[in-house]
Amino acid sequence: MVIASIVVNCTSDQFEEIKKWIGKKNELEIVQTMDQKIAVVIEADSTESVAVISEEINSLNGVTSVEIVSHFFEDEIFNSSDIPN
């Protein structure tokens, strides 16, 4: 399991719609909102999934940016050739 936290910056006119969209996704949890910012926790199977989800959020109408705040991936399995000797 990979866990990441992000801040989604939105335009004021799309803020509520973006919150609704995020709230419908099982792998996303809104932890706080302030002004036009939404703090979100992502739980995914891989770092690639976190990237895909972040890109999907960033492509929503009214999203001005997505900032990764933290990213925990210690349980992710790496190929042994990826580990330096």
C-alpha atoms as a PDB file:
ATOM      1  CA  MET A   1       0.000   0.000   0.000  1.00  0.00           C
ATOM      2  CA  VAL A   2       1.233   3.438  -0.942  1.00  0.00           C
ATOM      3  CA  ILE A   3      -0.074   6.496   0.883  1.00  0.00           C
ATOM      4  CA  ALA A   4       0.372  10.049  -0.335  1.00  0.00           C
ATOM      5  CA  SER A   5      -1.039  13.391   0.698  1.00  0.00           C
ATOM      6  CA  ILE A   6      -1.695  16.167  -1.764  1.00  0.00           C
ATOM      7  CA  VAL A   7      -3.100  19.673  -1.811  1.00  0.00           C
ATOM      8  CA  VAL A   8      -5.467  20.434  -4.674  1.00  0.00           C
ATOM      9  CA  ASN A   9      -5.709  24.133  -5.559  1.00  0.00           C
ATOM     10  CA  CYS A  10      -8.972  25.090  -7.263  1.00  0.00           C
ATOM     11  CA  THR A  11     -10.789  28.034  -8.726  1.00  0.00           C
ATOM     12  CA  SER A  12     -13.585  29.276  -6.456  1.00  0.00           C
ATOM     13  CA  ASP A  13     -16.318  28.606  -9.032  1.00  0.00           C
ATOM     14  CA  GLN A  14     -15.417  24.887  -9.342  1.00  0.00           C
ATOM     15  CA  PHE A  15     -14.439  24.224  -5.715  1.00  0.00           C
ATOM     16  CA  GLU A  16     -17.643  22.409  -4.663  1.00  0.00           C
ATOM     17  CA  GLU A  17     -17.761  20.285  -7.830  1.00  0.00           C
ATOM     18  CA  ILE A  18     -14.145  19.208  -7.354  1.00  0.00           C
ATOM     19  CA  LYS A  19     -14.847  18.306  -3.709  1.00  0.00           C
ATOM     20  CA  LYS A  20     -17.821  16.176  -4.830  1.00  0.00           C
ATOM     21  CA  TRP A  21     -15.712  14.397  -7.474  1.00  0.00           C
ATOM     22  CA  ILE A  22     -12.936  13.629  -4.984  1.00  0.00           C
ATOM     23  CA  GLY A  23     -15.467  12.485  -2.373  1.00  0.00           C
ATOM     24  CA  LYS A  24     -16.836   9.828  -4.750  1.00  0.00           C
ATOM     25  CA  LYS A  25     -13.466   8.092  -5.169  1.00  0.00           C
ATOM     26  CA  ASN A  26     -12.775   5.178  -2.798  1.00  0.00           C
ATOM     27  CA  GLU A  27      -8.998   5.693  -2.821  1.00  0.00           C
ATOM     28  CA  LEU A  28      -9.289   9.386  -1.896  1.00  0.00           C
ATOM     29  CA  GLU A  29     -10.142  11.014   1.420  1.00  0.00           C
ATOM     30  CA  ILE A  30     -10.620  14.734   1.952  1.00  0.00           C
ATOM     31  CA  VAL A  31      -9.016  15.631   5.281  1.00  0.00           C
ATOM     32  CA  GLN A  32      -9.411  19.410   5.216  1.00  0.00           C
ATOM     33  CA  THR A  33     -10.539  22.288   3.032  1.00  0.00           C
ATOM     34  CA  MET A  34      -9.605  25.945   3.267  1.00  0.00           C
ATOM     35  CA  ASP A  35     -10.117  28.782   0.823  1.00  0.00           C
ATOM     36  CA  GLN A  36      -9.750  27.089  -2.570  1.00  0.00           C
ATOM     37  CA  LYS A  37      -7.490  24.303  -1.273  1.00  0.00           C
ATOM     38  CA  ILE A  38      -8.407  20.677  -0.602  1.00  0.00           C
ATOM     39  CA  ALA A  39      -6.089  18.439   1.433  1.00  0.00           C
ATOM     40  CA  VAL A  40      -6.455  14.861   0.201  1.00  0.00           C
ATOM     41  CA  VAL A  41      -5.000  11.501   1.234  1.00  0.00           C
ATOM     42  CA  ILE A  42      -4.490   8.926  -1.533  1.00  0.00           C
ATOM     43  CA  GLU A  43      -4.261   5.203  -0.784  1.00  0.00           C
ATOM     44  CA  ALA A  44      -3.090   3.231  -3.823  1.00  0.00           C
ATOM     45  CA  ASP A  45      -1.348   0.015  -4.812  1.00  0.00           C
ATOM     46  CA  SER A  46       1.750   1.668  -6.301  1.00  0.00           C
ATOM     47  CA  THR A  47       3.567   4.941  -6.774  1.00  0.00           C
ATOM     48  CA  GLU A  48       2.493   4.794 -10.419  1.00  0.00           C
ATOM     49  CA  SER A  49      -1.161   4.686  -9.310  1.00  0.00           C
ATOM     50  CA  VAL A  50      -0.598   7.748  -7.120  1.00  0.00           C
ATOM     51  CA  ALA A  51       0.861   9.575 -10.138  1.00  0.00           C
ATOM     52  CA  VAL A  52      -2.080   8.573 -12.351  1.00  0.00           C
ATOM     53  CA  ILE A  53      -4.614   9.697  -9.729  1.00  0.00           C
ATOM     54  CA  SER A  54      -2.770  13.002  -9.220  1.00  0.00           C
ATOM     55  CA  GLU A  55      -2.712  13.619 -12.973  1.00  0.00           C
ATOM     56  CA  GLU A  56      -6.418  12.796 -13.223  1.00  0.00           C
ATOM     57  CA  ILE A  57      -7.221  15.313 -10.475  1.00  0.00           C
ATOM     58  CA  ASN A  58      -4.956  17.907 -12.098  1.00  0.00           C
ATOM     59  CA  SER A  59      -6.867  17.540 -15.375  1.00  0.00           C
ATOM     60  CA  LEU A  60     -10.233  18.396 -13.780  1.00  0.00           C
ATOM     61  CA  ASN A  61     -11.853  21.641 -14.863  1.00  0.00           C
ATOM     62  CA  GLY A  62     -11.092  24.260 -12.202  1.00  0.00           C
ATOM     63  CA  VAL A  63      -7.984  22.613 -10.732  1.00  0.00           C
ATOM     64  CA  THR A  64      -5.073  25.042 -10.939  1.00  0.00           C
ATOM     65  CA  SER A  65      -2.434  22.736  -9.412  1.00  0.00           C
ATOM     66  CA  VAL A  66      -1.801  19.578  -7.404  1.00  0.00           C
ATOM     67  CA  GLU A  67       1.042  19.595  -4.883  1.00  0.00           C
ATOM     68  CA  ILE A  68       2.403  16.405  -3.327  1.00  0.00           C
ATOM     69  CA  VAL A  69       2.987  16.999   0.383  1.00  0.00           C
ATOM     70  CA  SER A  70       4.103  13.521   1.462  1.00  0.00           C
ATOM     71  CA  HIS A  71       4.555  10.094  -0.078  1.00  0.00           C
ATOM     72  CA  PHE A  72       5.048   6.848   1.859  1.00  0.00           C
ATOM     73  CA  PHE A  73       5.883   3.722  -0.130  1.00  0.00           C
ATOM     74  CA  GLU A  74       7.978   1.470   2.108  1.00  0.00           C
ATOM     75  CA  ASP A  75       5.740  -1.563   1.463  1.00  0.00           C
ATOM     76  CA  GLU A  76       6.083  -1.294  -2.295  1.00  0.00           C
ATOM     77  CA  ILE A  77       8.039  -4.199  -3.732  1.00  0.00           C
ATOM     78  CA  PHE A  78      11.063  -3.310  -5.822  1.00  0.00           C
ATOM     79  CA  ASN A  79      12.847  -5.548  -8.272  1.00  0.00           C
ATOM     80  CA  SER A  80      16.069  -6.750  -6.664  1.00  0.00           C
ATOM     81  CA  SER A  81      18.027  -5.261  -9.590  1.00  0.00           C
ATOM     82  CA  ASP A  82      16.751  -1.824  -8.492  1.00  0.00           C
ATOM     83  CA  ILE A  83      18.503  -2.088  -5.119  1.00  0.00           C
ATOM     84  CA  PRO A  84      22.118  -0.894  -5.169  1.00  0.00           C
ATOM     85  CA  ASN A  85      24.832  -3.287  -3.909  1.00  0.00           C
END
